[in-house]
Protein backbone atom coordinates (compact mmCIF):
# COMPACT_ATOMS: atom_id res chain seq x y z
CA UNK A 1 0.00 0.00 0.00
CA UNK A 2 1.50 3.36 -0.99
CA UNK A 3 2.11 6.28 1.36
CA UNK A 4 -0.65 8.43 -0.15
CA UNK A 5 -3.29 5.72 0.44
CA UNK A 6 -2.19 5.38 4.07
CA UNK A 7 -2.63 9.13 4.57
CA UNK A 8 -6.13 9.03 3.03
CA UNK A 9 -7.17 6.10 5.25
CA UNK A 10 -5.86 7.87 8.33
CA UNK A 11 -7.85 10.98 7.46
CA UNK A 12 -11.03 8.96 6.92
CA UNK A 13 -10.53 7.14 10.21
CA UNK A 14 -9.98 10.44 11.99
CA UNK A 15 -13.14 11.90 10.43
CA UNK A 16 -15.25 8.92 11.52
CA UNK A 17 -14.01 9.13 15.10
CA UNK A 18 -14.60 12.89 15.29
CA UNK A 19 -18.09 12.54 13.75
CA UNK A 20 -19.03 10.08 16.46
CA UNK A 21 -17.60 12.35 19.12
CA UNK A 22 -19.43 15.38 17.70
CA UNK A 23 -22.92 14.01 18.33
CA UNK A 24 -22.09 12.03 21.48
CA UNK A 25 -23.26 14.89 23.72
CA UNK A 26 -26.51 15.07 21.76
CA UNK A 27 -27.08 11.34 22.17
CA UNK A 28 -26.28 11.51 25.87
CA UNK A 29 -28.83 14.29 26.35
CA UNK A 30 -31.47 12.35 24.44
CA UNK A 31 -30.86 9.25 26.55
CA UNK A 32 -31.69 11.35 29.61
CA UNK A 33 -34.70 13.33 28.36
CA UNK A 34 -36.30 10.61 26.19
CA UNK A 35 -34.89 7.36 27.63
CA UNK A 36 -37.60 5.02 26.36
CA UNK A 37 -37.29 5.78 22.66
CA UNK A 38 -34.41 5.95 20.19
CA UNK A 39 -34.51 8.78 17.63
CA UNK A 40 -35.20 7.93 14.00
CA UNK A 41 -32.46 10.30 12.89
CA UNK A 42 -29.74 12.59 14.25
CA UNK A 43 -28.19 14.75 11.56
CA UNK A 44 -26.12 17.92 11.35
CA UNK A 45 -28.06 20.95 10.13
CA UNK A 46 -26.84 23.56 7.63
CA UNK A 47 -26.53 25.85 10.68
CA UNK A 48 -23.21 24.91 12.26
CA UNK A 49 -23.35 23.77 15.85
CA UNK A 50 -26.89 22.33 15.82
CA UNK A 51 -28.19 18.82 15.17
CA UNK A 52 -31.62 17.92 13.85
CA UNK A 53 -33.32 15.21 15.91
CA UNK A 54 -36.26 13.30 14.41
CA UNK A 55 -38.87 11.17 16.17
CA UNK A 56 -41.48 10.30 13.53
CA UNK A 57 -42.94 13.66 12.50
CA UNK A 58 -41.67 15.39 15.67
CA UNK A 59 -38.53 17.41 15.02
CA UNK A 60 -36.35 19.58 17.20
CA UNK A 61 -32.77 20.81 17.31
CA UNK A 62 -30.02 20.31 19.88
CA UNK A 63 -26.73 22.16 20.18
CA UNK A 64 -23.68 19.99 19.64
CA UNK A 65 -22.83 20.19 23.36
CA UNK A 66 -26.30 18.80 24.18
CA UNK A 67 -27.21 21.83 26.28
CA UNK A 68 -29.55 23.96 24.18
CA UNK A 69 -32.79 22.71 22.62
CA UNK A 70 -34.63 24.63 19.90
CA UNK A 71 -38.12 23.70 18.72
CA UNK A 72 -39.52 25.42 15.64
CA UNK A 73 -39.15 25.56 11.89
CA UNK A 74 -35.81 26.11 10.19
CA UNK A 75 -36.26 28.06 6.95
CA UNK A 76 -33.63 28.67 4.27
CA UNK A 77 -34.32 32.32 3.40
CA UNK A 78 -32.32 32.06 0.19
CA UNK A 79 -34.43 29.27 -1.30
CA UNK A 80 -37.55 29.89 0.87
CA UNK A 81 -37.55 26.17 1.68
CA UNK A 82 -38.90 25.13 5.07
CA UNK A 83 -36.32 22.49 5.96
CA UNK A 84 -38.21 21.32 9.03
CA UNK A 85 -41.49 20.80 7.20
CA UNK A 86 -39.70 18.88 4.45
CA UNK A 87 -38.33 16.49 7.08
CA UNK A 88 -41.72 16.38 8.84
CA UNK A 89 -43.50 15.22 5.68
CA UNK A 90 -41.07 12.31 5.35
CA UNK A 91 -41.79 11.37 8.95
CA UNK A 92 -45.54 11.44 8.31
CA UNK A 93 -45.18 9.14 5.31
CA UNK A 94 -43.19 6.67 7.39
CA UNK A 95 -45.84 6.72 10.12
CA UNK A 96 -48.74 6.44 7.64
CA UNK A 97 -47.15 3.26 6.29
CA UNK A 98 -47.43 1.64 9.73
CA UNK A 99 -51.22 1.34 9.33
CA UNK A 100 -52.44 -1.21 6.80
CA UNK A 101 -54.27 0.09 3.76
CA UNK A 102 -57.09 -2.42 4.21
CA UNK A 103 -58.05 -0.80 7.53
CA UNK A 104 -59.10 2.37 5.65
CA UNK A 105 -62.47 2.92 4.00
CA UNK A 106 -61.87 3.94 0.39
CA UNK A 107 -64.10 5.77 -2.06
CA UNK A 108 -62.58 5.40 -5.54
CA UNK A 109 -63.35 7.06 -8.88
CA UNK A 110 -65.00 4.80 -11.41
CA UNK A 111 -63.38 3.80 -14.68
CA UNK A 112 -59.66 3.71 -14.06
CA UNK A 113 -56.95 4.58 -11.59
CA UNK A 114 -57.37 7.76 -9.54
CA UNK A 115 -55.33 10.83 -10.44
CA UNK A 116 -54.72 11.58 -6.76
CA UNK A 117 -55.14 9.73 -3.47
CA UNK A 118 -55.87 11.59 -0.22
CA UNK A 119 -56.09 10.07 3.26
CA UNK A 120 -58.70 11.81 5.42
CA UNK A 121 -58.93 11.54 9.20
CA UNK A 122 -62.65 11.85 9.88
CA UNK A 123 -65.29 12.13 12.60
CA UNK A 124 -68.86 11.20 11.67
CA UNK A 125 -70.29 14.04 13.83
CA UNK A 126 -68.01 16.81 12.51
CA UNK A 127 -69.88 19.34 10.32
CA UNK A 128 -67.13 19.79 7.73
CA UNK A 129 -66.51 16.02 7.65
CA UNK A 130 -70.18 15.63 6.79
CA UNK A 131 -69.92 18.37 4.15
CA UNK A 132 -66.90 16.73 2.55
CA UNK A 133 -68.64 13.36 2.48
CA UNK A 134 -71.83 14.78 1.01
CA UNK A 135 -69.72 16.16 -1.85
CA UNK A 136 -68.00 12.82 -2.45
CA UNK A 137 -69.23 12.65 -6.04
CA UNK A 138 -67.37 15.91 -6.77
CA UNK A 139 -64.08 14.51 -5.45
CA UNK A 140 -64.50 11.31 -7.42
CA UNK A 141 -65.33 13.27 -10.58
CA UNK A 142 -62.06 15.17 -10.09
CA UNK A 143 -60.22 11.84 -10.04
CA UNK A 144 -59.49 11.98 -6.30
CA UNK A 145 -59.67 8.81 -4.22
CA UNK A 146 -60.67 9.47 -0.61
CA UNK A 147 -59.37 6.99 1.99
CA UNK A 148 -60.91 7.45 5.43
CA UNK A 149 -59.21 6.88 8.76
CA UNK A 150 -61.15 7.22 12.03
CA UNK A 151 -60.53 10.15 14.35
CA UNK A 152 -63.50 10.72 16.70
CA UNK A 153 -62.55 14.00 18.39
CA UNK A 154 -64.55 13.33 21.56
CA UNK A 155 -62.28 10.40 22.34
CA UNK A 156 -62.55 6.74 23.25
CA UNK A 157 -65.88 5.78 24.83
CA UNK A 158 -67.77 8.80 23.48
CA UNK A 159 -70.96 8.53 21.43
CA UNK A 160 -69.01 9.59 18.32
CA UNK A 161 -66.46 6.88 19.04
CA UNK A 162 -69.17 4.21 19.33
CA UNK A 163 -70.75 5.36 16.07
CA UNK A 164 -67.51 5.30 14.11
CA UNK A 165 -66.70 1.84 15.49
CA UNK A 166 -70.10 0.72 14.20
CA UNK A 167 -69.16 2.10 10.76
CA UNK A 168 -65.89 0.16 10.67
CA UNK A 169 -67.63 -3.00 11.93
CA UNK A 170 -70.43 -2.83 9.33
CA UNK A 171 -70.62 -5.31 6.49
CA UNK A 172 -71.12 -2.43 4.03
CA UNK A 173 -68.78 0.17 5.51
CA UNK A 174 -69.30 2.77 2.81
CA UNK A 175 -73.09 2.65 3.05
CA UNK A 176 -73.02 2.93 6.84
CA UNK A 177 -70.45 5.74 6.64
CA UNK A 178 -72.84 7.65 4.40
CA UNK A 179 -75.73 6.96 6.78
CA UNK A 180 -73.75 8.19 9.79
CA UNK A 181 -72.50 11.29 7.94
CA UNK A 182 -76.16 12.12 7.22
CA UNK A 183 -76.82 12.36 10.97
CA UNK A 184 -78.53 8.99 11.20
CA UNK A 185 -77.77 6.49 13.94
CA UNK A 186 -76.07 3.35 12.61
CA UNK A 187 -76.91 -0.01 14.13
CA UNK A 188 -74.51 -0.53 17.02
CA UNK A 189 -71.82 -3.06 16.17
CA UNK A 190 -68.62 -4.18 17.81
CA UNK A 191 -65.66 -6.07 16.36
CA UNK A 192 -61.89 -6.02 16.20
CA UNK A 193 -61.40 -2.59 14.64
CA UNK A 194 -58.62 -0.11 13.84
CA UNK A 195 -60.22 3.01 15.37
CA UNK A 196 -57.82 3.35 18.32
CA UNK A 197 -54.87 2.64 16.02
CA UNK A 198 -56.05 5.35 13.62
CA UNK A 199 -56.48 7.82 16.50
CA UNK A 200 -52.96 7.16 17.76
CA UNK A 201 -51.56 7.55 14.25
CA UNK A 202 -53.42 10.85 13.89
CA UNK A 203 -51.94 12.16 17.12
CA UNK A 204 -48.44 11.08 16.07
CA UNK A 205 -48.58 12.95 12.76
CA UNK A 206 -50.11 16.10 14.26
CA UNK A 207 -53.86 15.81 13.60
CA UNK A 208 -55.72 18.14 15.98
CA UNK A 209 -59.08 18.46 14.25
CA UNK A 210 -61.18 16.98 11.48
CA UNK A 211 -61.25 16.61 8.59
CA UNK A 212 -57.47 16.37 8.30
CA UNK A 213 -56.09 15.61 4.84
CA UNK A 214 -52.80 13.80 4.24
CA UNK A 215 -51.45 13.96 0.71
CA UNK A 216 -49.34 11.28 -0.94
CA UNK A 217 -46.16 13.33 -0.34
CA UNK A 218 -46.82 13.50 3.42
CA UNK A 219 -48.27 17.02 3.51
CA UNK A 220 -50.85 17.49 6.28
CA UNK A 221 -53.63 19.95 5.50
CA UNK A 222 -56.29 20.58 8.15
CA UNK A 223 -59.86 21.39 7.19
CA UNK A 224 -62.34 21.03 4.37
CA UNK A 225 -61.54 22.00 0.77
CA UNK A 226 -63.98 21.93 -2.16
CA UNK A 227 -63.12 19.28 -4.73
CA UNK A 228 -62.01 21.67 -7.47
CA UNK A 229 -59.71 23.57 -5.09
CA UNK A 230 -58.23 20.36 -3.73
CA UNK A 231 -57.59 19.09 -7.26
CA UNK A 232 -55.81 22.34 -8.13
CA UNK A 233 -53.52 22.09 -5.09
CA UNK A 234 -52.70 18.44 -5.82
CA UNK A 235 -51.98 19.17 -9.50
CA UNK A 236 -49.64 22.03 -8.52
CA UNK A 237 -47.75 19.71 -6.18
CA UNK A 238 -47.17 17.26 -9.01
CA UNK A 239 -46.09 20.08 -11.33
CA UNK A 240 -43.43 21.18 -8.82
C-alpha atoms as a PDB file:
ATOM      1  CA  UNK A   1       0.000   0.000   0.000  1.00  0.00           C
ATOM      2  CA  UNK A   2       1.496   3.361  -0.987  1.00  0.00           C
ATOM      3  CA  UNK A   3       2.109   6.278   1.362  1.00  0.00           C
ATOM      4  CA  UNK A   4      -0.647   8.427  -0.154  1.00  0.00           C
ATOM      5  CA  UNK A   5      -3.285   5.723   0.438  1.00  0.00           C
ATOM      6  CA  UNK A   6      -2.186   5.381   4.069  1.00  0.00           C
ATOM      7  CA  UNK A   7      -2.634   9.126   4.572  1.00  0.00           C
ATOM      8  CA  UNK A   8      -6.134   9.027   3.032  1.00  0.00           C
ATOM      9  CA  UNK A   9      -7.165   6.104   5.253  1.00  0.00           C
ATOM     10  CA  UNK A  10      -5.860   7.870   8.327  1.00  0.00           C
ATOM     11  CA  UNK A  11      -7.854  10.979   7.455  1.00  0.00           C
ATOM     12  CA  UNK A  12     -11.035   8.963   6.919  1.00  0.00           C
ATOM     13  CA  UNK A  13     -10.528   7.140  10.206  1.00  0.00           C
ATOM     14  CA  UNK A  14      -9.983  10.438  11.993  1.00  0.00           C
ATOM     15  CA  UNK A  15     -13.142  11.903  10.429  1.00  0.00           C
ATOM     16  CA  UNK A  16     -15.254   8.918  11.517  1.00  0.00           C
ATOM     17  CA  UNK A  17     -14.011   9.131  15.098  1.00  0.00           C
ATOM     18  CA  UNK A  18     -14.601  12.894  15.291  1.00  0.00           C
ATOM     19  CA  UNK A  19     -18.087  12.536  13.751  1.00  0.00           C
ATOM     20  CA  UNK A  20     -19.029  10.082  16.462  1.00  0.00           C
ATOM     21  CA  UNK A  21     -17.599  12.354  19.117  1.00  0.00           C
ATOM     22  CA  UNK A  22     -19.426  15.381  17.699  1.00  0.00           C
ATOM     23  CA  UNK A  23     -22.915  14.007  18.334  1.00  0.00           C
ATOM     24  CA  UNK A  24     -22.093  12.035  21.484  1.00  0.00           C
ATOM     25  CA  UNK A  25     -23.264  14.894  23.718  1.00  0.00           C
ATOM     26  CA  UNK A  26     -26.508  15.072  21.761  1.00  0.00           C
ATOM     27  CA  UNK A  27     -27.083  11.342  22.173  1.00  0.00           C
ATOM     28  CA  UNK A  28     -26.281  11.510  25.871  1.00  0.00           C
ATOM     29  CA  UNK A  29     -28.834  14.289  26.352  1.00  0.00           C
ATOM     30  CA  UNK A  30     -31.474  12.347  24.437  1.00  0.00           C
ATOM     31  CA  UNK A  31     -30.864   9.253  26.547  1.00  0.00           C
ATOM     32  CA  UNK A  32     -31.693  11.355  29.615  1.00  0.00           C
ATOM     33  CA  UNK A  33     -34.700  13.334  28.365  1.00  0.00           C
ATOM     34  CA  UNK A  34     -36.296  10.611  26.187  1.00  0.00           C
ATOM     35  CA  UNK A  35     -34.890   7.362  27.629  1.00  0.00           C
ATOM     36  CA  UNK A  36     -37.601   5.023  26.360  1.00  0.00           C
ATOM     37  CA  UNK A  37     -37.285   5.782  22.656  1.00  0.00           C
ATOM     38  CA  UNK A  38     -34.410   5.955  20.193  1.00  0.00           C
ATOM     39  CA  UNK A  39     -34.512   8.777  17.627  1.00  0.00           C
ATOM     40  CA  UNK A  40     -35.202   7.934  14.000  1.00  0.00           C
ATOM     41  CA  UNK A  41     -32.458  10.301  12.890  1.00  0.00           C
ATOM     42  CA  UNK A  42     -29.737  12.585  14.247  1.00  0.00           C
ATOM     43  CA  UNK A  43     -28.185  14.751  11.561  1.00  0.00           C
ATOM     44  CA  UNK A  44     -26.119  17.923  11.353  1.00  0.00           C
ATOM     45  CA  UNK A  45     -28.056  20.951  10.126  1.00  0.00           C
ATOM     46  CA  UNK A  46     -26.836  23.562   7.631  1.00  0.00           C
ATOM     47  CA  UNK A  47     -26.527  25.854  10.683  1.00  0.00           C
ATOM     48  CA  UNK A  48     -23.205  24.909  12.255  1.00  0.00           C
ATOM     49  CA  UNK A  49     -23.352  23.771  15.846  1.00  0.00           C
ATOM     50  CA  UNK A  50     -26.885  22.329  15.825  1.00  0.00           C
ATOM     51  CA  UNK A  51     -28.187  18.824  15.169  1.00  0.00           C
ATOM     52  CA  UNK A  52     -31.623  17.917  13.847  1.00  0.00           C
ATOM     53  CA  UNK A  53     -33.324  15.213  15.909  1.00  0.00           C
ATOM     54  CA  UNK A  54     -36.261  13.300  14.411  1.00  0.00           C
ATOM     55  CA  UNK A  55     -38.871  11.173  16.168  1.00  0.00           C
ATOM     56  CA  UNK A  56     -41.483  10.296  13.530  1.00  0.00           C
ATOM     57  CA  UNK A  57     -42.939  13.665  12.498  1.00  0.00           C
ATOM     58  CA  UNK A  58     -41.673  15.389  15.671  1.00  0.00           C
ATOM     59  CA  UNK A  59     -38.532  17.410  15.024  1.00  0.00           C
ATOM     60  CA  UNK A  60     -36.353  19.582  17.195  1.00  0.00           C
ATOM     61  CA  UNK A  61     -32.773  20.814  17.309  1.00  0.00           C
ATOM     62  CA  UNK A  62     -30.022  20.314  19.884  1.00  0.00           C
ATOM     63  CA  UNK A  63     -26.730  22.159  20.182  1.00  0.00           C
ATOM     64  CA  UNK A  64     -23.680  19.988  19.640  1.00  0.00           C
ATOM     65  CA  UNK A  65     -22.834  20.185  23.358  1.00  0.00           C
ATOM     66  CA  UNK A  66     -26.305  18.801  24.179  1.00  0.00           C
ATOM     67  CA  UNK A  67     -27.214  21.831  26.279  1.00  0.00           C
ATOM     68  CA  UNK A  68     -29.550  23.961  24.181  1.00  0.00           C
ATOM     69  CA  UNK A  69     -32.794  22.707  22.618  1.00  0.00           C
ATOM     70  CA  UNK A  70     -34.634  24.626  19.900  1.00  0.00           C
ATOM     71  CA  UNK A  71     -38.122  23.701  18.721  1.00  0.00           C
ATOM     72  CA  UNK A  72     -39.521  25.423  15.644  1.00  0.00           C
ATOM     73  CA  UNK A  73     -39.148  25.563  11.889  1.00  0.00           C
ATOM     74  CA  UNK A  74     -35.806  26.112  10.193  1.00  0.00           C
ATOM     75  CA  UNK A  75     -36.261  28.057   6.946  1.00  0.00           C
ATOM     76  CA  UNK A  76     -33.632  28.670   4.269  1.00  0.00           C
ATOM     77  CA  UNK A  77     -34.318  32.318   3.395  1.00  0.00           C
ATOM     78  CA  UNK A  78     -32.316  32.057   0.189  1.00  0.00           C
ATOM     79  CA  UNK A  79     -34.431  29.272  -1.302  1.00  0.00           C
ATOM     80  CA  UNK A  80     -37.547  29.894   0.867  1.00  0.00           C
ATOM     81  CA  UNK A  81     -37.550  26.175   1.681  1.00  0.00           C
ATOM     82  CA  UNK A  82     -38.901  25.133   5.066  1.00  0.00           C
ATOM     83  CA  UNK A  83     -36.318  22.494   5.959  1.00  0.00           C
ATOM     84  CA  UNK A  84     -38.207  21.319   9.028  1.00  0.00           C
ATOM     85  CA  UNK A  85     -41.485  20.801   7.199  1.00  0.00           C
ATOM     86  CA  UNK A  86     -39.695  18.880   4.449  1.00  0.00           C
ATOM     87  CA  UNK A  87     -38.334  16.486   7.079  1.00  0.00           C
ATOM     88  CA  UNK A  88     -41.717  16.383   8.838  1.00  0.00           C
ATOM     89  CA  UNK A  89     -43.504  15.223   5.684  1.00  0.00           C
ATOM     90  CA  UNK A  90     -41.072  12.314   5.352  1.00  0.00           C
ATOM     91  CA  UNK A  91     -41.793  11.367   8.954  1.00  0.00           C
ATOM     92  CA  UNK A  92     -45.540  11.435   8.305  1.00  0.00           C
ATOM     93  CA  UNK A  93     -45.177   9.137   5.305  1.00  0.00           C
ATOM     94  CA  UNK A  94     -43.192   6.671   7.385  1.00  0.00           C
ATOM     95  CA  UNK A  95     -45.840   6.724  10.121  1.00  0.00           C
ATOM     96  CA  UNK A  96     -48.735   6.440   7.643  1.00  0.00           C
ATOM     97  CA  UNK A  97     -47.152   3.259   6.292  1.00  0.00           C
ATOM     98  CA  UNK A  98     -47.433   1.644   9.726  1.00  0.00           C
ATOM     99  CA  UNK A  99     -51.220   1.343   9.333  1.00  0.00           C
ATOM    100  CA  UNK A 100     -52.438  -1.209   6.804  1.00  0.00           C
ATOM    101  CA  UNK A 101     -54.274   0.090   3.756  1.00  0.00           C
ATOM    102  CA  UNK A 102     -57.087  -2.420   4.210  1.00  0.00           C
ATOM    103  CA  UNK A 103     -58.049  -0.796   7.526  1.00  0.00           C
ATOM    104  CA  UNK A 104     -59.098   2.365   5.651  1.00  0.00           C
ATOM    105  CA  UNK A 105     -62.472   2.920   4.003  1.00  0.00           C
ATOM    106  CA  UNK A 106     -61.867   3.938   0.388  1.00  0.00           C
ATOM    107  CA  UNK A 107     -64.096   5.773  -2.059  1.00  0.00           C
ATOM    108  CA  UNK A 108     -62.579   5.398  -5.543  1.00  0.00           C
ATOM    109  CA  UNK A 109     -63.353   7.061  -8.885  1.00  0.00           C
ATOM    110  CA  UNK A 110     -64.999   4.803 -11.405  1.00  0.00           C
ATOM    111  CA  UNK A 111     -63.380   3.799 -14.677  1.00  0.00           C
ATOM    112  CA  UNK A 112     -59.661   3.707 -14.058  1.00  0.00           C
ATOM    113  CA  UNK A 113     -56.954   4.581 -11.593  1.00  0.00           C
ATOM    114  CA  UNK A 114     -57.367   7.755  -9.536  1.00  0.00           C
ATOM    115  CA  UNK A 115     -55.325  10.829 -10.443  1.00  0.00           C
ATOM    116  CA  UNK A 116     -54.716  11.583  -6.764  1.00  0.00           C
ATOM    117  CA  UNK A 117     -55.143   9.726  -3.468  1.00  0.00           C
ATOM    118  CA  UNK A 118     -55.866  11.589  -0.216  1.00  0.00           C
ATOM    119  CA  UNK A 119     -56.091  10.071   3.259  1.00  0.00           C
ATOM    120  CA  UNK A 120     -58.698  11.812   5.416  1.00  0.00           C
ATOM    121  CA  UNK A 121     -58.933  11.542   9.203  1.00  0.00           C
ATOM    122  CA  UNK A 122     -62.649  11.852   9.879  1.00  0.00           C
ATOM    123  CA  UNK A 123     -65.293  12.126  12.602  1.00  0.00           C
ATOM    124  CA  UNK A 124     -68.865  11.199  11.670  1.00  0.00           C
ATOM    125  CA  UNK A 125     -70.288  14.037  13.832  1.00  0.00           C
ATOM    126  CA  UNK A 126     -68.007  16.810  12.506  1.00  0.00           C
ATOM    127  CA  UNK A 127     -69.885  19.340  10.319  1.00  0.00           C
ATOM    128  CA  UNK A 128     -67.125  19.789   7.734  1.00  0.00           C
ATOM    129  CA  UNK A 129     -66.509  16.021   7.654  1.00  0.00           C
ATOM    130  CA  UNK A 130     -70.178  15.627   6.788  1.00  0.00           C
ATOM    131  CA  UNK A 131     -69.918  18.372   4.151  1.00  0.00           C
ATOM    132  CA  UNK A 132     -66.897  16.728   2.550  1.00  0.00           C
ATOM    133  CA  UNK A 133     -68.635  13.361   2.484  1.00  0.00           C
ATOM    134  CA  UNK A 134     -71.828  14.775   1.009  1.00  0.00           C
ATOM    135  CA  UNK A 135     -69.722  16.159  -1.849  1.00  0.00           C
ATOM    136  CA  UNK A 136     -67.999  12.820  -2.448  1.00  0.00           C
ATOM    137  CA  UNK A 137     -69.229  12.652  -6.043  1.00  0.00           C
ATOM    138  CA  UNK A 138     -67.371  15.906  -6.772  1.00  0.00           C
ATOM    139  CA  UNK A 139     -64.084  14.513  -5.450  1.00  0.00           C
ATOM    140  CA  UNK A 140     -64.503  11.307  -7.417  1.00  0.00           C
ATOM    141  CA  UNK A 141     -65.327  13.269 -10.581  1.00  0.00           C
ATOM    142  CA  UNK A 142     -62.062  15.170 -10.088  1.00  0.00           C
ATOM    143  CA  UNK A 143     -60.222  11.845 -10.041  1.00  0.00           C
ATOM    144  CA  UNK A 144     -59.486  11.976  -6.305  1.00  0.00           C
ATOM    145  CA  UNK A 145     -59.669   8.812  -4.219  1.00  0.00           C
ATOM    146  CA  UNK A 146     -60.672   9.470  -0.609  1.00  0.00           C
ATOM    147  CA  UNK A 147     -59.368   6.995   1.992  1.00  0.00           C
ATOM    148  CA  UNK A 148     -60.909   7.450   5.433  1.00  0.00           C
ATOM    149  CA  UNK A 149     -59.209   6.879   8.756  1.00  0.00           C
ATOM    150  CA  UNK A 150     -61.145   7.223  12.027  1.00  0.00           C
ATOM    151  CA  UNK A 151     -60.533  10.152  14.350  1.00  0.00           C
ATOM    152  CA  UNK A 152     -63.501  10.715  16.704  1.00  0.00           C
ATOM    153  CA  UNK A 153     -62.549  13.996  18.385  1.00  0.00           C
ATOM    154  CA  UNK A 154     -64.550  13.334  21.563  1.00  0.00           C
ATOM    155  CA  UNK A 155     -62.280  10.398  22.344  1.00  0.00           C
ATOM    156  CA  UNK A 156     -62.548   6.737  23.250  1.00  0.00           C
ATOM    157  CA  UNK A 157     -65.876   5.782  24.825  1.00  0.00           C
ATOM    158  CA  UNK A 158     -67.772   8.795  23.477  1.00  0.00           C
ATOM    159  CA  UNK A 159     -70.956   8.533  21.434  1.00  0.00           C
ATOM    160  CA  UNK A 160     -69.013   9.589  18.322  1.00  0.00           C
ATOM    161  CA  UNK A 161     -66.456   6.879  19.037  1.00  0.00           C
ATOM    162  CA  UNK A 162     -69.172   4.206  19.332  1.00  0.00           C
ATOM    163  CA  UNK A 163     -70.751   5.360  16.067  1.00  0.00           C
ATOM    164  CA  UNK A 164     -67.510   5.297  14.112  1.00  0.00           C
ATOM    165  CA  UNK A 165     -66.698   1.839  15.487  1.00  0.00           C
ATOM    166  CA  UNK A 166     -70.101   0.723  14.196  1.00  0.00           C
ATOM    167  CA  UNK A 167     -69.162   2.098  10.762  1.00  0.00           C
ATOM    168  CA  UNK A 168     -65.892   0.157  10.675  1.00  0.00           C
ATOM    169  CA  UNK A 169     -67.628  -2.996  11.931  1.00  0.00           C
ATOM    170  CA  UNK A 170     -70.429  -2.827   9.335  1.00  0.00           C
ATOM    171  CA  UNK A 171     -70.622  -5.312   6.490  1.00  0.00           C
ATOM    172  CA  UNK A 172     -71.118  -2.426   4.026  1.00  0.00           C
ATOM    173  CA  UNK A 173     -68.780   0.167   5.507  1.00  0.00           C
ATOM    174  CA  UNK A 174     -69.298   2.772   2.807  1.00  0.00           C
ATOM    175  CA  UNK A 175     -73.092   2.652   3.049  1.00  0.00           C
ATOM    176  CA  UNK A 176     -73.024   2.927   6.838  1.00  0.00           C
ATOM    177  CA  UNK A 177     -70.447   5.737   6.643  1.00  0.00           C
ATOM    178  CA  UNK A 178     -72.841   7.652   4.404  1.00  0.00           C
ATOM    179  CA  UNK A 179     -75.733   6.957   6.777  1.00  0.00           C
ATOM    180  CA  UNK A 180     -73.754   8.189   9.789  1.00  0.00           C
ATOM    181  CA  UNK A 181     -72.501  11.286   7.941  1.00  0.00           C
ATOM    182  CA  UNK A 182     -76.161  12.124   7.223  1.00  0.00           C
ATOM    183  CA  UNK A 183     -76.816  12.358  10.975  1.00  0.00           C
ATOM    184  CA  UNK A 184     -78.531   8.988  11.204  1.00  0.00           C
ATOM    185  CA  UNK A 185     -77.768   6.492  13.944  1.00  0.00           C
ATOM    186  CA  UNK A 186     -76.073   3.353  12.607  1.00  0.00           C
ATOM    187  CA  UNK A 187     -76.909  -0.008  14.131  1.00  0.00           C
ATOM    188  CA  UNK A 188     -74.506  -0.531  17.015  1.00  0.00           C
ATOM    189  CA  UNK A 189     -71.815  -3.057  16.169  1.00  0.00           C
ATOM    190  CA  UNK A 190     -68.616  -4.182  17.809  1.00  0.00           C
ATOM    191  CA  UNK A 191     -65.656  -6.071  16.360  1.00  0.00           C
ATOM    192  CA  UNK A 192     -61.889  -6.023  16.200  1.00  0.00           C
ATOM    193  CA  UNK A 193     -61.404  -2.591  14.641  1.00  0.00           C
ATOM    194  CA  UNK A 194     -58.615  -0.106  13.844  1.00  0.00           C
ATOM    195  CA  UNK A 195     -60.219   3.013  15.371  1.00  0.00           C
ATOM    196  CA  UNK A 196     -57.818   3.353  18.323  1.00  0.00           C
ATOM    197  CA  UNK A 197     -54.870   2.638  16.016  1.00  0.00           C
ATOM    198  CA  UNK A 198     -56.046   5.354  13.620  1.00  0.00           C
ATOM    199  CA  UNK A 199     -56.480   7.817  16.496  1.00  0.00           C
ATOM    200  CA  UNK A 200     -52.957   7.158  17.761  1.00  0.00           C
ATOM    201  CA  UNK A 201     -51.562   7.551  14.249  1.00  0.00           C
ATOM    202  CA  UNK A 202     -53.421  10.847  13.892  1.00  0.00           C
ATOM    203  CA  UNK A 203     -51.942  12.162  17.122  1.00  0.00           C
ATOM    204  CA  UNK A 204     -48.444  11.079  16.068  1.00  0.00           C
ATOM    205  CA  UNK A 205     -48.579  12.953  12.764  1.00  0.00           C
ATOM    206  CA  UNK A 206     -50.111  16.105  14.256  1.00  0.00           C
ATOM    207  CA  UNK A 207     -53.858  15.815  13.605  1.00  0.00           C
ATOM    208  CA  UNK A 208     -55.718  18.136  15.981  1.00  0.00           C
ATOM    209  CA  UNK A 209     -59.084  18.460  14.253  1.00  0.00           C
ATOM    210  CA  UNK A 210     -61.178  16.983  11.480  1.00  0.00           C
ATOM    211  CA  UNK A 211     -61.251  16.611   8.594  1.00  0.00           C
ATOM    212  CA  UNK A 212     -57.472  16.375   8.300  1.00  0.00           C
ATOM    213  CA  UNK A 213     -56.088  15.608   4.844  1.00  0.00           C
ATOM    214  CA  UNK A 214     -52.804  13.804   4.241  1.00  0.00           C
ATOM    215  CA  UNK A 215     -51.446  13.962   0.708  1.00  0.00           C
ATOM    216  CA  UNK A 216     -49.336  11.275  -0.943  1.00  0.00           C
ATOM    217  CA  UNK A 217     -46.164  13.335  -0.341  1.00  0.00           C
ATOM    218  CA  UNK A 218     -46.825  13.502   3.419  1.00  0.00           C
ATOM    219  CA  UNK A 219     -48.265  17.023   3.512  1.00  0.00           C
ATOM    220  CA  UNK A 220     -50.845  17.488   6.279  1.00  0.00           C
ATOM    221  CA  UNK A 221     -53.628  19.950   5.495  1.00  0.00           C
ATOM    222  CA  UNK A 222     -56.290  20.584   8.147  1.00  0.00           C
ATOM    223  CA  UNK A 223     -59.859  21.389   7.191  1.00  0.00           C
ATOM    224  CA  UNK A 224     -62.337  21.034   4.367  1.00  0.00           C
ATOM    225  CA  UNK A 225     -61.536  21.998   0.774  1.00  0.00           C
ATOM    226  CA  UNK A 226     -63.976  21.933  -2.165  1.00  0.00           C
ATOM    227  CA  UNK A 227     -63.121  19.276  -4.727  1.00  0.00           C
ATOM    228  CA  UNK A 228     -62.006  21.670  -7.470  1.00  0.00           C
ATOM    229  CA  UNK A 229     -59.714  23.575  -5.087  1.00  0.00           C
ATOM    230  CA  UNK A 230     -58.230  20.357  -3.729  1.00  0.00           C
ATOM    231  CA  UNK A 231     -57.590  19.086  -7.263  1.00  0.00           C
ATOM    232  CA  UNK A 232     -55.813  22.340  -8.131  1.00  0.00           C
ATOM    233  CA  UNK A 233     -53.516  22.090  -5.089  1.00  0.00           C
ATOM    234  CA  UNK A 234     -52.698  18.443  -5.823  1.00  0.00           C
ATOM    235  CA  UNK A 235     -51.984  19.172  -9.498  1.00  0.00           C
ATOM    236  CA  UNK A 236     -49.642  22.029  -8.521  1.00  0.00           C
ATOM    237  CA  UNK A 237     -47.748  19.714  -6.184  1.00  0.00           C
ATOM    238  CA  UNK A 238     -47.165  17.260  -9.012  1.00  0.00           C
ATOM    239  CA  UNK A 239     -46.086  20.081 -11.333  1.00  0.00           C
ATOM    240  CA  UNK A 240     -43.432  21.181  -8.823  1.00  0.00           C
END
